[in-house]
Protein backbone atom coordinates (compact mmCIF):
# COMPACT_ATOMS: atom_id res chain seq x y z
CA MET A 1 82.55 88.68 -69.12
CA ILE A 2 83.39 86.27 -70.63
CA GLY A 3 87.74 85.18 -71.35
CA LEU A 4 88.66 83.95 -74.65
CA ILE A 5 91.78 81.47 -74.51
CA SER A 6 93.63 79.58 -77.64
CA ALA A 7 96.63 78.64 -78.15
CA THR A 8 96.74 77.54 -82.28
CA ALA A 9 95.36 79.10 -85.24
CA ALA A 10 92.19 77.21 -85.37
CA GLY A 11 91.60 77.87 -82.26
CA ALA A 12 92.05 81.51 -82.79
CA ALA A 13 89.88 81.50 -86.00
CA ALA A 14 87.28 80.04 -83.82
CA ARG A 15 87.90 81.99 -80.50
CA ASP A 16 87.54 85.33 -82.44
CA ARG A 17 84.14 84.08 -84.01
CA LEU A 18 82.77 84.29 -81.37
CA ALA A 19 84.55 87.65 -79.18
CA ALA A 20 82.75 88.93 -83.07
CA ALA A 21 79.87 87.42 -82.13
CA TRP A 22 79.84 88.50 -78.12
CA PRO A 23 81.53 91.63 -78.49
CA ASP A 24 80.47 92.87 -75.53
CA ARG A 25 80.22 90.37 -73.18
CA THR A 26 83.74 88.77 -74.14
CA ARG A 27 87.20 89.28 -73.22
CA VAL A 28 89.81 87.74 -75.70
CA TYR A 29 92.79 86.77 -73.24
CA GLU A 30 96.25 87.14 -75.26
CA GLY A 31 100.36 85.49 -74.08
CA PRO A 32 100.93 82.26 -72.99
CA VAL A 33 98.71 80.00 -71.69
CA ALA A 34 98.84 79.47 -68.29
CA ASP A 35 98.52 82.63 -67.75
CA ALA A 36 96.37 83.72 -69.73
CA VAL A 37 93.99 81.13 -68.08
CA ARG A 38 95.13 82.27 -65.07
CA ARG A 39 93.98 86.09 -65.30
CA ALA A 40 90.95 84.56 -66.56
CA PHE A 41 89.62 82.53 -64.12
CA GLY A 42 90.45 85.60 -61.96
CA GLU A 43 88.98 88.41 -63.63
CA CYS A 44 85.68 86.72 -65.36
CA ALA A 45 82.72 85.28 -64.86
CA GLN A 46 82.86 82.42 -67.69
CA LEU A 47 85.90 81.01 -69.39
CA VAL A 48 86.04 79.65 -72.97
CA CYS A 49 89.07 77.46 -73.71
CA PHE A 50 89.72 76.44 -77.47
CA LEU A 51 92.22 74.22 -76.56
CA ALA A 52 92.44 69.72 -76.01
CA THR A 53 90.42 68.81 -72.09
CA GLY A 54 93.25 67.58 -70.52
CA ALA A 55 95.13 70.74 -70.68
CA VAL A 56 92.54 73.17 -69.63
CA VAL A 57 91.64 70.36 -66.71
CA ARG A 58 95.44 70.44 -65.79
CA LEU A 59 95.29 74.29 -65.81
CA VAL A 60 92.47 75.23 -64.16
CA ALA A 61 92.14 72.24 -60.94
CA PRO A 62 95.21 74.37 -59.19
CA LEU A 63 92.73 78.21 -59.07
CA LEU A 64 89.53 75.65 -58.34
CA SER A 65 88.34 76.76 -54.90
CA ASP A 66 84.33 76.84 -54.38
CA LYS A 67 81.42 75.25 -56.83
CA ALA A 68 79.24 78.34 -55.89
CA SER A 69 81.87 81.17 -56.25
CA ASP A 70 84.55 78.95 -59.73
CA PRO A 71 83.74 80.51 -62.36
CA GLY A 72 82.29 78.58 -65.63
CA VAL A 73 85.18 76.95 -67.27
CA VAL A 74 83.87 75.67 -71.65
CA CYS A 75 86.21 73.94 -73.42
CA VAL A 76 86.17 73.69 -77.41
CA ASP A 77 88.28 71.46 -79.39
CA GLU A 78 91.19 72.47 -81.97
CA GLY A 79 87.99 70.99 -84.92
CA GLY A 80 85.02 73.10 -83.22
CA ARG A 81 83.41 69.43 -83.30
CA PHE A 82 82.46 70.34 -79.28
CA ALA A 83 81.88 72.40 -76.49
CA VAL A 84 82.37 70.90 -73.57
CA SER A 85 81.13 71.83 -69.93
CA LEU A 86 83.44 71.56 -67.92
CA VAL A 87 83.52 73.25 -64.69
CA GLY A 88 80.13 75.46 -62.83
CA GLY A 89 77.80 73.34 -64.61
CA HIS A 90 74.94 74.61 -63.04
CA GLY A 91 76.79 77.45 -60.50
CA GLY A 92 78.75 79.27 -63.90
CA GLY A 93 76.14 78.52 -66.30
CA ALA A 94 78.74 76.09 -68.47
CA ASN A 95 76.22 74.29 -69.81
CA GLU A 96 74.04 77.34 -70.88
CA LEU A 97 77.20 78.75 -72.08
CA ALA A 98 78.90 75.07 -74.11
CA ARG A 99 74.86 74.96 -75.29
CA ALA A 100 75.36 78.77 -76.99
CA VAL A 101 78.37 78.13 -78.11
CA GLY A 102 77.47 75.46 -79.58
CA ARG A 103 74.83 76.88 -81.25
CA LEU A 104 76.51 79.56 -82.63
CA LEU A 105 79.93 77.33 -83.63
CA GLY A 106 77.99 74.82 -85.17
CA ALA A 107 79.52 72.63 -82.37
CA GLU A 108 77.66 69.63 -80.16
CA PRO A 109 77.26 70.56 -76.49
CA VAL A 110 78.34 68.21 -74.18
CA VAL A 111 76.89 68.19 -70.73
CA THR A 112 77.05 65.45 -68.42
CA THR A 113 75.55 66.87 -64.69
CA ALA A 114 73.50 63.67 -63.69
CA THR A 115 70.41 65.84 -63.64
CA ASP A 116 70.46 66.91 -67.44
CA ALA A 117 71.98 63.67 -69.06
CA VAL A 118 68.31 62.91 -67.69
CA GLY A 119 66.24 66.40 -68.01
CA VAL A 120 65.20 66.10 -64.42
CA PRO A 121 65.79 70.11 -63.10
CA GLY A 122 69.06 70.89 -61.59
CA LEU A 123 68.06 72.86 -58.21
CA ASP A 124 70.09 75.91 -58.85
CA THR A 125 68.42 75.95 -62.28
CA LEU A 126 64.86 76.60 -60.94
CA GLY A 127 65.19 80.56 -60.65
CA LEU A 128 65.18 80.99 -57.35
CA PRO A 129 67.41 81.09 -54.81
CA VAL A 130 68.48 77.60 -53.15
CA GLU A 131 70.11 76.72 -49.85
CA GLY A 132 70.78 73.59 -48.23
CA ASP A 133 71.98 70.30 -49.13
CA VAL A 134 71.43 70.63 -52.91
CA ALA A 135 73.80 68.05 -53.48
CA GLY A 136 71.64 65.36 -51.17
CA VAL A 137 68.76 66.60 -52.22
CA SER A 138 69.21 65.99 -56.21
CA ARG A 139 70.92 62.14 -55.80
CA ALA A 140 67.27 61.33 -54.10
CA MET A 141 65.44 62.78 -57.15
CA LEU A 142 67.66 61.24 -59.17
CA ASP A 143 67.32 57.93 -57.31
CA GLY A 144 63.61 57.80 -57.35
CA GLU A 145 62.76 57.74 -53.57
CA THR A 146 59.85 60.37 -52.73
CA VAL A 147 60.86 64.23 -52.03
CA ALA A 148 58.78 65.56 -50.45
CA LEU A 149 57.68 69.67 -51.99
CA GLU A 150 56.77 71.83 -48.85
CA LEU A 151 55.25 75.03 -50.59
CA GLU A 152 55.15 77.97 -47.44
CA SER A 153 55.09 80.33 -50.47
CA GLY A 154 53.32 79.47 -53.18
CA TRP A 155 55.32 80.41 -56.46
CA PRO A 156 55.26 78.76 -60.45
CA LEU A 157 58.11 76.25 -60.59
CA PRO A 158 58.66 74.20 -63.28
CA ALA A 159 57.62 70.54 -64.10
CA LEU A 160 59.41 68.84 -61.64
CA PRO A 161 59.90 64.58 -61.54
CA SER A 162 56.47 62.23 -60.63
CA ASN A 163 58.60 61.04 -57.04
CA VAL A 164 58.59 64.94 -55.90
CA LEU A 165 55.08 64.90 -54.32
CA ARG A 166 53.72 68.47 -52.14
CA SER A 167 53.61 67.09 -48.69
CA ASP A 168 49.87 67.17 -48.71
CA VAL A 169 49.32 64.70 -51.02
CA LEU A 170 52.07 61.85 -49.59
CA PRO A 171 50.40 58.81 -49.30
CA SER A 172 50.44 58.57 -45.41
CA GLY A 173 53.52 57.53 -43.38
CA GLU A 174 54.71 56.81 -47.14
CA LEU A 175 59.58 57.22 -46.51
CA PRO A 176 62.08 57.40 -48.54
CA SER A 177 65.41 55.35 -48.30
CA GLY A 178 68.81 57.15 -48.77
CA VAL A 179 69.12 60.51 -47.55
CA GLY A 180 68.90 61.12 -44.34
CA SER A 181 67.11 58.72 -41.68
CA ALA A 182 63.54 58.06 -41.62
CA VAL A 183 61.08 57.69 -38.50
CA PRO A 184 58.49 55.74 -38.66
CA GLY A 185 55.05 57.18 -39.77
CA ALA A 186 57.29 60.83 -39.97
CA GLY A 187 56.64 60.63 -43.49
CA PRO A 188 59.65 61.50 -46.12
CA THR A 189 62.95 63.12 -44.39
CA VAL A 190 63.63 64.97 -48.06
CA ARG A 191 63.03 68.17 -48.42
CA ILE A 192 61.96 70.91 -50.87
CA ARG A 193 61.06 74.00 -48.97
CA VAL A 194 59.75 76.98 -50.48
CA THR A 195 59.52 79.60 -48.27
CA ASP A 196 60.84 83.23 -47.76
CA ARG A 197 61.13 82.92 -43.77
CA LEU A 198 64.66 81.83 -42.21
CA ILE A 199 65.09 78.42 -41.25
CA ASP A 200 67.97 77.31 -39.22
CA GLY A 201 70.09 74.97 -41.17
CA ALA A 202 68.07 73.76 -43.79
CA GLY A 203 69.90 70.57 -42.62
CA ALA A 204 70.96 66.88 -44.62
CA GLY A 205 68.21 66.43 -47.27
CA ALA A 206 66.65 68.79 -47.46
CA VAL A 207 66.61 72.07 -49.46
CA VAL A 208 65.00 75.63 -49.25
CA LEU A 209 64.57 78.03 -52.35
CA ARG A 210 63.66 81.24 -52.49
CA PRO A 211 61.03 82.92 -54.28
CA PRO A 212 60.73 86.51 -55.01
CA SER A 213 57.83 87.09 -52.57
CA LEU A 214 59.09 90.35 -50.37
CA VAL A 215 58.64 93.97 -51.21
CA VAL A 216 60.21 96.37 -49.55
CA GLY A 217 59.35 99.82 -49.79
CA VAL A 218 61.83 102.15 -49.43
CA GLY A 219 61.74 105.71 -48.07
CA ALA A 220 64.79 108.40 -47.83
CA SER A 221 65.48 112.22 -46.99
CA LYS A 222 68.27 113.15 -49.16
CA GLY A 223 71.95 112.21 -48.62
CA ALA A 224 70.86 109.23 -46.76
CA PRO A 225 73.46 106.95 -46.58
CA VAL A 226 74.50 103.45 -47.84
CA ASP A 227 74.86 101.49 -44.78
CA GLU A 228 71.69 103.44 -43.51
CA VAL A 229 69.12 102.38 -45.61
CA LEU A 230 70.89 98.70 -46.44
CA GLY A 231 70.89 98.35 -42.42
CA LEU A 232 67.64 99.42 -41.98
CA VAL A 233 66.29 97.12 -44.21
CA GLU A 234 68.28 93.84 -43.79
CA GLY A 235 67.28 94.99 -39.92
CA ALA A 236 63.87 94.30 -40.76
CA LEU A 237 63.58 92.07 -42.31
CA ALA A 238 65.92 89.26 -39.62
CA ASP A 239 63.70 91.13 -36.97
CA ALA A 240 60.31 89.63 -39.07
CA GLY A 241 62.21 85.89 -39.98
CA LEU A 242 62.36 86.88 -43.60
CA SER A 243 64.80 85.93 -45.70
CA VAL A 244 67.07 88.66 -48.16
CA ALA A 245 67.38 86.35 -50.26
CA SER A 246 63.30 86.96 -51.10
CA VAL A 247 63.01 90.57 -51.76
CA ALA A 248 62.14 90.94 -55.74
CA ALA A 249 62.66 94.67 -56.03
CA LEU A 250 62.83 98.09 -53.46
CA ALA A 251 60.47 100.28 -54.00
CA THR A 252 60.33 104.02 -53.39
CA VAL A 253 58.41 106.96 -55.23
CA ASP A 254 59.78 108.68 -58.15
CA ALA A 255 61.45 111.44 -56.86
CA LYS A 256 63.15 109.55 -54.97
CA ALA A 257 64.31 107.21 -57.67
CA GLY A 258 68.29 108.56 -58.33
CA GLU A 259 68.30 108.73 -54.30
CA PRO A 260 72.21 107.33 -53.56
CA GLY A 261 71.58 105.69 -50.68
CA ILE A 262 68.52 103.54 -52.14
CA VAL A 263 70.34 103.01 -55.24
CA GLY A 264 73.36 101.70 -53.95
CA ALA A 265 71.14 99.48 -51.20
CA ALA A 266 69.21 98.00 -54.17
CA GLU A 267 72.46 97.71 -55.90
CA ARG A 268 74.18 95.28 -52.72
CA LEU A 269 70.52 93.36 -52.62
CA GLY A 270 71.17 92.82 -55.72
CA VAL A 271 67.49 93.87 -56.68
CA PRO A 272 65.94 96.65 -58.72
CA VAL A 273 64.41 99.85 -57.89
CA VAL A 274 60.66 100.37 -58.90
CA THR A 275 59.03 103.53 -58.25
CA TYR A 276 55.82 104.68 -58.48
CA SER A 277 54.43 109.08 -58.92
CA ALA A 278 53.06 110.64 -55.27
CA ASP A 279 49.45 110.61 -56.59
CA GLU A 280 49.47 106.60 -57.05
CA LEU A 281 51.34 106.10 -53.66
CA ALA A 282 49.12 108.77 -51.84
CA GLY A 283 45.99 106.63 -53.16
CA VAL A 284 47.02 103.55 -51.24
CA ASP A 285 45.83 102.81 -47.93
CA VAL A 286 48.30 102.73 -44.99
CA PRO A 287 48.02 101.86 -41.18
CA ASN A 288 50.49 104.96 -41.05
CA PRO A 289 49.98 107.89 -42.85
CA SER A 290 52.37 110.84 -41.74
CA ALA A 291 53.02 114.57 -42.55
CA ALA A 292 56.42 114.76 -43.65
CA PRO A 293 56.22 112.94 -46.60
CA LEU A 294 53.49 114.81 -47.94
CA ALA A 295 55.12 117.86 -47.53
CA ALA A 296 58.68 116.88 -48.53
CA VAL A 297 56.99 114.27 -51.79
CA GLY A 298 53.17 114.95 -51.83
CA THR A 299 52.08 111.42 -50.64
CA PRO A 300 51.54 110.69 -46.71
CA SER A 301 53.16 108.02 -47.17
CA VAL A 302 56.41 106.38 -49.23
CA ALA A 303 57.56 102.89 -47.88
CA GLU A 304 54.28 101.12 -46.92
CA ALA A 305 52.46 102.62 -50.00
CA ALA A 306 55.68 101.46 -52.26
CA ALA A 307 55.31 98.44 -50.88
CA LEU A 308 51.44 97.75 -51.05
CA VAL A 309 51.22 98.58 -54.83
CA GLY A 310 49.79 95.93 -56.22
CA GLY A 311 48.21 94.26 -52.92
CA GLY A 312 50.01 91.83 -50.22
CA GLU A 313 50.34 91.23 -47.10
CA LEU A 314 52.47 93.93 -44.67
CA LEU A 315 54.45 91.85 -42.51
CA VAL A 316 56.32 94.68 -41.37
CA PRO A 317 54.84 98.02 -40.80
CA LYS A 318 56.57 101.81 -41.64
CA ARG A 319 59.42 101.58 -39.37
CA LYS A 320 62.81 103.94 -38.69
CA SER A 321 66.61 103.92 -39.13
CA GLU A 322 68.28 104.52 -35.68
CA ARG A 323 71.65 106.34 -36.60
CA ALA A 324 74.63 105.89 -33.72
CA ASP A 325 74.73 109.47 -32.85
CA GLY A 326 71.27 109.89 -32.02
CA ALA A 327 70.15 111.74 -34.73
CA PRO A 328 67.26 111.99 -36.95
CA ALA A 329 66.78 109.09 -38.48
CA MET A 330 67.02 109.12 -42.85
CA ALA A 331 65.65 106.32 -43.71
CA THR A 332 62.10 104.42 -43.78
CA CYS A 333 61.00 101.21 -44.80
CA ALA A 334 58.25 98.31 -44.97
CA VAL A 335 57.49 95.18 -46.29
CA VAL A 336 54.99 93.07 -47.92
CA ARG A 337 54.85 89.74 -49.20
CA ARG A 338 52.85 89.32 -52.00
CA PRO A 339 51.08 86.89 -53.52
CA GLY A 340 51.97 84.34 -55.24
CA ARG A 341 50.59 84.57 -59.34
CA GLY A 342 50.58 82.17 -61.77
CA ARG A 343 52.46 82.51 -65.02
CA LEU A 344 51.18 81.95 -68.57
CA ALA A 345 53.80 81.90 -71.25
CA VAL A 346 52.34 82.14 -74.65
CA VAL A 347 55.06 80.54 -76.99
CA GLY A 348 55.00 80.78 -80.89
CA LEU A 349 56.63 77.28 -81.57
CA GLY A 350 57.72 78.91 -85.32
CA PRO A 351 56.93 77.59 -88.77
CA GLY A 352 57.99 73.27 -88.10
CA ALA A 353 61.39 73.16 -88.32
CA ARG A 354 63.45 72.65 -85.11
CA ASP A 355 66.44 75.11 -85.74
CA LEU A 356 63.84 77.94 -86.43
CA LEU A 357 62.79 77.71 -82.55
CA THR A 358 63.56 80.25 -80.95
CA PRO A 359 65.73 79.77 -77.85
CA ARG A 360 63.50 81.56 -75.85
CA ALA A 361 60.60 79.55 -76.53
CA GLU A 362 62.92 77.01 -75.52
CA ALA A 363 63.71 77.76 -72.27
CA GLU A 364 59.96 78.59 -71.58
CA LEU A 365 59.21 74.97 -72.70
CA ARG A 366 61.46 73.48 -70.58
CA ARG A 367 60.09 76.00 -67.49
CA ALA A 368 56.44 75.11 -67.46
CA SER A 369 54.98 72.50 -65.17
CA VAL A 370 51.92 72.78 -67.68
CA LEU A 371 51.77 72.89 -71.13
CA VAL A 372 48.39 73.08 -73.27
CA GLY A 373 48.37 72.64 -77.06
CA LEU A 374 47.10 71.25 -80.38
CA ASP A 375 47.84 67.64 -80.01
CA GLN A 376 50.16 68.07 -83.54
CA TYR A 377 52.06 70.57 -82.26
CA VAL A 378 52.55 68.85 -78.70
CA ASP A 379 54.59 65.88 -80.73
CA GLN A 380 56.21 68.50 -82.18
CA ILE A 381 58.47 69.03 -79.30
CA ARG A 382 57.14 66.76 -76.78
CA ASP A 383 61.08 65.49 -76.42
CA LEU A 384 62.07 69.15 -75.02
CA LEU A 385 59.73 68.74 -72.03
CA ARG A 386 61.26 68.36 -68.84
CA PRO A 387 60.05 64.65 -67.02
CA GLY A 388 56.96 65.26 -64.73
CA THR A 389 55.08 68.40 -67.30
CA ARG A 390 51.46 67.83 -67.64
CA ILE A 391 50.45 67.26 -70.84
CA LEU A 392 46.65 68.96 -72.01
CA GLU A 393 46.27 68.57 -75.32
CA SER A 394 43.26 68.43 -78.39
CA GLY A 395 42.57 68.72 -80.70
CA LEU A 396 41.52 71.12 -84.14
CA GLY A 397 38.40 73.45 -82.98
CA ALA A 398 38.84 73.95 -80.03
CA GLU A 399 41.20 76.81 -79.24
CA GLU A 400 39.09 78.79 -76.77
CA GLU A 401 38.56 75.74 -74.44
CA ARG A 402 42.84 75.33 -75.08
CA ALA A 403 42.75 79.35 -73.73
CA ARG A 404 40.82 78.93 -70.44
CA THR A 405 42.21 75.77 -69.79
CA ALA A 406 45.89 77.33 -69.75
CA VAL A 407 44.19 80.47 -68.01
CA ALA A 408 42.85 78.58 -65.25
CA GLU A 409 45.66 76.07 -64.86
CA ALA A 410 47.87 79.49 -64.26
CA ARG A 411 45.47 80.94 -62.10
CA LYS A 412 46.14 77.94 -59.46
CA GLY A 413 49.80 78.98 -59.81
CA GLN A 414 51.17 77.05 -62.42
CA ALA A 415 53.94 77.40 -64.37
CA VAL A 416 52.11 77.30 -67.92
CA ALA A 417 53.10 77.55 -71.48
CA LEU A 418 50.45 77.58 -74.20
CA ILE A 419 51.84 76.80 -77.39
CA GLY A 420 50.49 78.15 -81.45
CA SER A 421 51.93 77.26 -84.17
CA GLY A 422 54.37 80.15 -85.97
CA ASP A 423 53.95 83.35 -83.53
CA ALA A 424 51.55 82.49 -80.83
CA GLY A 425 49.56 86.31 -81.94
CA VAL A 426 49.21 85.81 -85.36
CA TYR A 427 46.25 83.69 -86.06
CA ALA A 428 46.82 81.74 -83.25
CA MET A 429 47.17 81.06 -79.23
CA ALA A 430 48.02 84.65 -77.88
CA SER A 431 44.53 86.87 -78.73
CA PRO A 432 42.27 84.45 -77.51
CA ALA A 433 44.37 83.17 -74.48
CA LEU A 434 44.43 87.80 -73.49
CA ALA A 435 41.00 88.03 -73.94
CA GLU A 436 40.31 85.66 -71.19
CA ALA A 437 43.27 86.52 -68.53
CA SER A 438 43.02 88.82 -66.47
CA ASP A 439 45.92 91.02 -64.35
CA ASP A 440 45.66 88.25 -61.58
CA ILE A 441 48.51 85.64 -63.29
CA ASP A 442 51.63 86.58 -65.09
CA VAL A 443 51.50 86.57 -68.36
CA VAL A 444 54.54 86.76 -71.15
CA GLY A 445 54.71 86.75 -74.96
CA VAL A 446 56.90 84.81 -76.40
CA PRO A 447 57.08 86.00 -80.63
CA GLY A 448 58.68 82.83 -83.51
CA VAL A 449 59.28 83.31 -86.41
CA THR A 450 55.58 83.12 -88.54
CA ALA A 451 54.20 81.10 -91.75
CA ALA A 452 54.56 84.33 -93.95
CA LEU A 453 58.15 85.77 -93.03
CA ALA A 454 59.06 81.60 -93.51
CA ALA A 455 57.62 81.44 -97.01
CA GLY A 456 59.06 84.76 -97.81
CA ALA A 457 62.34 83.58 -97.27
CA ILE A 458 62.03 80.34 -99.11
CA LEU A 459 60.55 82.61 -102.11
CA GLY A 460 62.56 84.29 -101.81
CA ALA A 461 62.25 88.41 -101.15
CA PRO A 462 58.15 89.10 -101.70
CA LEU A 463 57.60 90.76 -98.96
CA GLY A 464 60.72 93.20 -99.25
CA HIS A 465 58.12 96.33 -99.29
CA ASP A 466 54.48 97.17 -97.01
CA HIS A 467 52.39 94.16 -97.11
CA VAL A 468 49.08 92.85 -95.25
CA SER A 469 48.69 89.47 -94.33
CA ILE A 470 44.56 88.09 -94.45
CA SER A 471 43.07 84.85 -93.01
CA LEU A 472 40.24 84.26 -95.63
CA SER A 473 39.22 81.41 -93.11
CA ASP A 474 35.75 83.04 -92.39
CA LEU A 475 35.25 81.22 -89.26
CA HIS A 476 35.45 83.73 -87.30
CA THR A 477 35.16 86.70 -89.76
CA PRO A 478 32.69 87.74 -91.83
CA TRP A 479 33.13 87.14 -95.68
CA HIS A 480 31.89 90.44 -96.51
CA VAL A 481 34.53 92.00 -93.84
CA ILE A 482 37.34 89.71 -95.07
CA GLU A 483 36.34 90.48 -98.82
CA ARG A 484 36.85 94.59 -97.97
CA ARG A 485 40.03 93.82 -96.60
CA VAL A 486 41.85 91.94 -99.86
CA LEU A 487 39.41 95.07 -101.69
CA ALA A 488 41.72 97.73 -99.53
CA ALA A 489 45.26 95.42 -100.00
CA ALA A 490 44.69 95.78 -103.81
CA GLU A 491 43.72 99.52 -104.37
CA ALA A 492 46.60 100.40 -102.19
CA ASP A 493 49.21 98.28 -103.69
CA ILE A 494 50.21 96.38 -100.71
CA VAL A 495 51.95 92.78 -101.25
CA VAL A 496 49.19 89.94 -99.59
CA THR A 497 49.47 86.46 -97.89
CA PHE A 498 46.62 84.63 -97.53
CA TYR A 499 46.37 82.71 -94.50
CA ASN A 500 43.79 79.35 -94.12
CA PRO A 501 43.51 80.07 -97.96
CA ARG A 502 41.41 76.67 -99.22
CA SER A 503 39.68 73.64 -97.13
CA ARG A 504 37.57 71.04 -97.93
CA GLY A 505 35.00 73.34 -96.76
CA ARG A 506 35.46 76.33 -97.71
CA ASP A 507 37.07 76.41 -102.13
CA TRP A 508 35.63 79.46 -103.14
CA GLN A 509 37.07 82.39 -101.16
CA LEU A 510 41.03 81.89 -102.26
CA PRO A 511 39.32 82.10 -106.38
CA LYS A 512 37.53 85.26 -105.07
CA ALA A 513 39.60 86.95 -103.69
CA LEU A 514 42.25 86.48 -106.76
CA ALA A 515 39.70 87.99 -108.48
CA VAL A 516 39.38 90.73 -106.84
CA LEU A 517 43.19 91.45 -106.47
CA GLY A 518 43.24 90.78 -110.33
CA ALA A 519 40.79 93.57 -110.95
CA HIS A 520 43.76 96.42 -109.89
CA ARG A 521 47.41 94.11 -111.08
CA GLU A 522 48.29 92.43 -113.51
CA PRO A 523 47.97 88.44 -115.02
CA THR A 524 51.80 88.31 -114.76
CA THR A 525 52.08 89.40 -110.74
CA PRO A 526 54.22 87.23 -109.60
CA VAL A 527 52.34 84.81 -106.62
CA GLY A 528 53.99 82.52 -104.46
CA VAL A 529 52.85 79.40 -103.11
CA VAL A 530 54.34 77.63 -100.01
CA ARG A 531 53.19 74.03 -98.48
CA ASN A 532 54.67 73.20 -95.20
CA ALA A 533 57.36 75.60 -94.83
CA SER A 534 60.80 74.39 -92.76
CA ARG A 535 59.62 70.91 -92.81
CA PRO A 536 60.27 67.73 -94.38
CA ASP A 537 57.39 67.82 -97.21
CA GLU A 538 57.95 71.44 -98.11
CA SER A 539 56.98 72.40 -101.41
CA SER A 540 57.07 75.68 -103.45
CA ARG A 541 57.16 77.13 -106.40
CA VAL A 542 56.65 81.01 -108.00
CA THR A 543 53.86 81.42 -110.53
CA THR A 544 51.37 83.70 -111.49
CA LEU A 545 48.45 85.37 -110.66
CA ALA A 546 46.25 83.86 -113.98
CA GLY A 547 48.38 80.45 -113.77
CA LEU A 548 47.68 80.11 -109.63
CA ASP A 549 45.63 77.20 -110.01
CA PRO A 550 43.19 77.27 -106.73
CA ALA A 551 42.56 73.31 -106.25
CA THR A 552 46.71 73.09 -105.68
CA VAL A 553 46.22 75.10 -102.10
CA ASP A 554 45.12 73.84 -98.99
CA MET A 555 45.37 74.65 -95.68
CA MET A 556 49.39 73.96 -95.58
CA THR A 557 49.65 76.45 -98.11
CA VAL A 558 50.34 79.79 -97.54
CA VAL A 559 49.85 82.28 -100.78
CA THR A 560 51.73 85.60 -101.06
CA VAL A 561 50.82 87.80 -103.28
CA GLY A 562 52.70 90.38 -105.13
CA ASN A 563 52.30 94.19 -105.98
CA THR A 564 52.56 95.92 -108.90
CA ALA A 565 56.01 96.05 -108.83
CA THR A 566 57.10 92.73 -107.67
CA ARG A 567 59.32 90.69 -109.99
CA ASN A 568 60.21 87.22 -110.30
CA ILE A 569 64.09 87.62 -110.92
CA ALA A 570 65.58 84.34 -111.64
CA GLY A 571 62.94 81.77 -110.14
CA ARG A 572 62.85 84.34 -107.31
CA MET A 573 60.04 86.54 -106.07
CA VAL A 574 61.92 90.26 -105.17
CA THR A 575 59.35 93.47 -104.26
CA PRO A 576 61.75 96.32 -104.99
CA ARG A 577 62.29 98.57 -101.42
CA GLY A 578 61.81 101.39 -103.93
CA TYR A 579 63.87 104.52 -102.04
CA ARG A 580 65.09 107.20 -103.85
CA TRP A 581 68.07 106.13 -104.25
CA GLN A 582 67.52 102.85 -105.55
CA GLU A 583 65.51 105.24 -108.58
CA ALA A 584 68.58 107.19 -109.25
CA ALA A 585 70.77 104.44 -109.34
CA ARG A 586 69.27 103.59 -112.56
């Protein structure tokens, strides 16, 4: 929950805007400001104070205890010009909150955390639990010292600065100066270790990142206590030298999805419960099958089989809980280390304007260690990438090569972003990439604003009823197939948006397509033409089917042809929705 505190009418107005936008995430604290801040600080995960920075500093200073547990605090000035991340930039999420508040209120986010200021990823912002000397290692990264990256458990990480080197490729004898003391010839003493194993203290100049590499399969009798299930899981991990922070999920059979002991243990561990059918589990080979679960839930194994679904290394075979009173065990568990998987994010950049790039797309760009894309698209977002991001760019016509490259990098365990304009799934990179990929990597799609939607917003409301997008490029699709689709749209009276309408080498397809539509629509049918939608040199016009000159159209243009109901109203294309209540109102 985000606590909102204000002291003046101007602050209250901005506060109320935030509360209206985030009704389920925010709580307004009324009353004397000092009391409101004190109550919100104790009850909320984050605070937004619409007060002077100095006042907020004085109010929260006596309340601070530990950066790992203090709420994040953002301060917004009375004029709503700045959203300042004041306390808990990383641990409390204040940096991201300041950016989110800034986007909503039109304020400039102010983030002064050292790593954020220079574009270096904070070790506590990588999406993995972190332990150890975060400040010391971060300082070494910022100072350019050599930092060893020890990947005991392969997991896709964001781009790291060039001075962070994998330990297996460090130059012989290279040593950092600064954090920790170096023994000649011993290598760097500043280290980042990625492991799910327990370590006896990371020590000065070292941090441990915990990948979500462990799956714990759990079986439980009806009514098994939470403490018994949790104690079994934690004990199995500790005995195997494994960190509970690397547990990704508890896995069990569908029949136990709502078992309170399992659900409660997962809640206390902060992980989800994933379930599988008895038939799925029965098909998994396990070392310790049993007749008891077969009779009870229809599979010879629950704990081992549930943990092994999807593959991995069985680190802890099935073990039973032990009860102090000597009564029969009510829970079983098994632990599997799943293999590290590369991650491919297929990201739509939108039509070109920076403010039409979605926050999710921007986050994926900053999460990537490898970026693959068309050179002109890379130039659009180069400033958003973290330092150290490896960029693999190529020119027009190399789409399939880019798709293969992105998938190959993901298979190496990298965090890859493959970019395309508009929405990556619409005449862009998602299709060739997913055709190349298999189930050995994780794939995430990030939607973007398409050219058709951007053009539609500029033209008015041409897509208010059924519509279709058709590419007129016959480089990948035979013309007779394209023509058949245009004819079908014409006969069905559907609004049509043409992508790739005309190029220097393809100048006859658009006139042909317009002729097909013209056989079913009046010459006065509105047609919208938008070039470089949302970019600085954007241009647009509304004409008619008879008035459109195809020679004025190129590959940077989107052409939208209305249906028989589309009208030009005050210079804007409008296609009515056509609902019965509209007819009745006329």
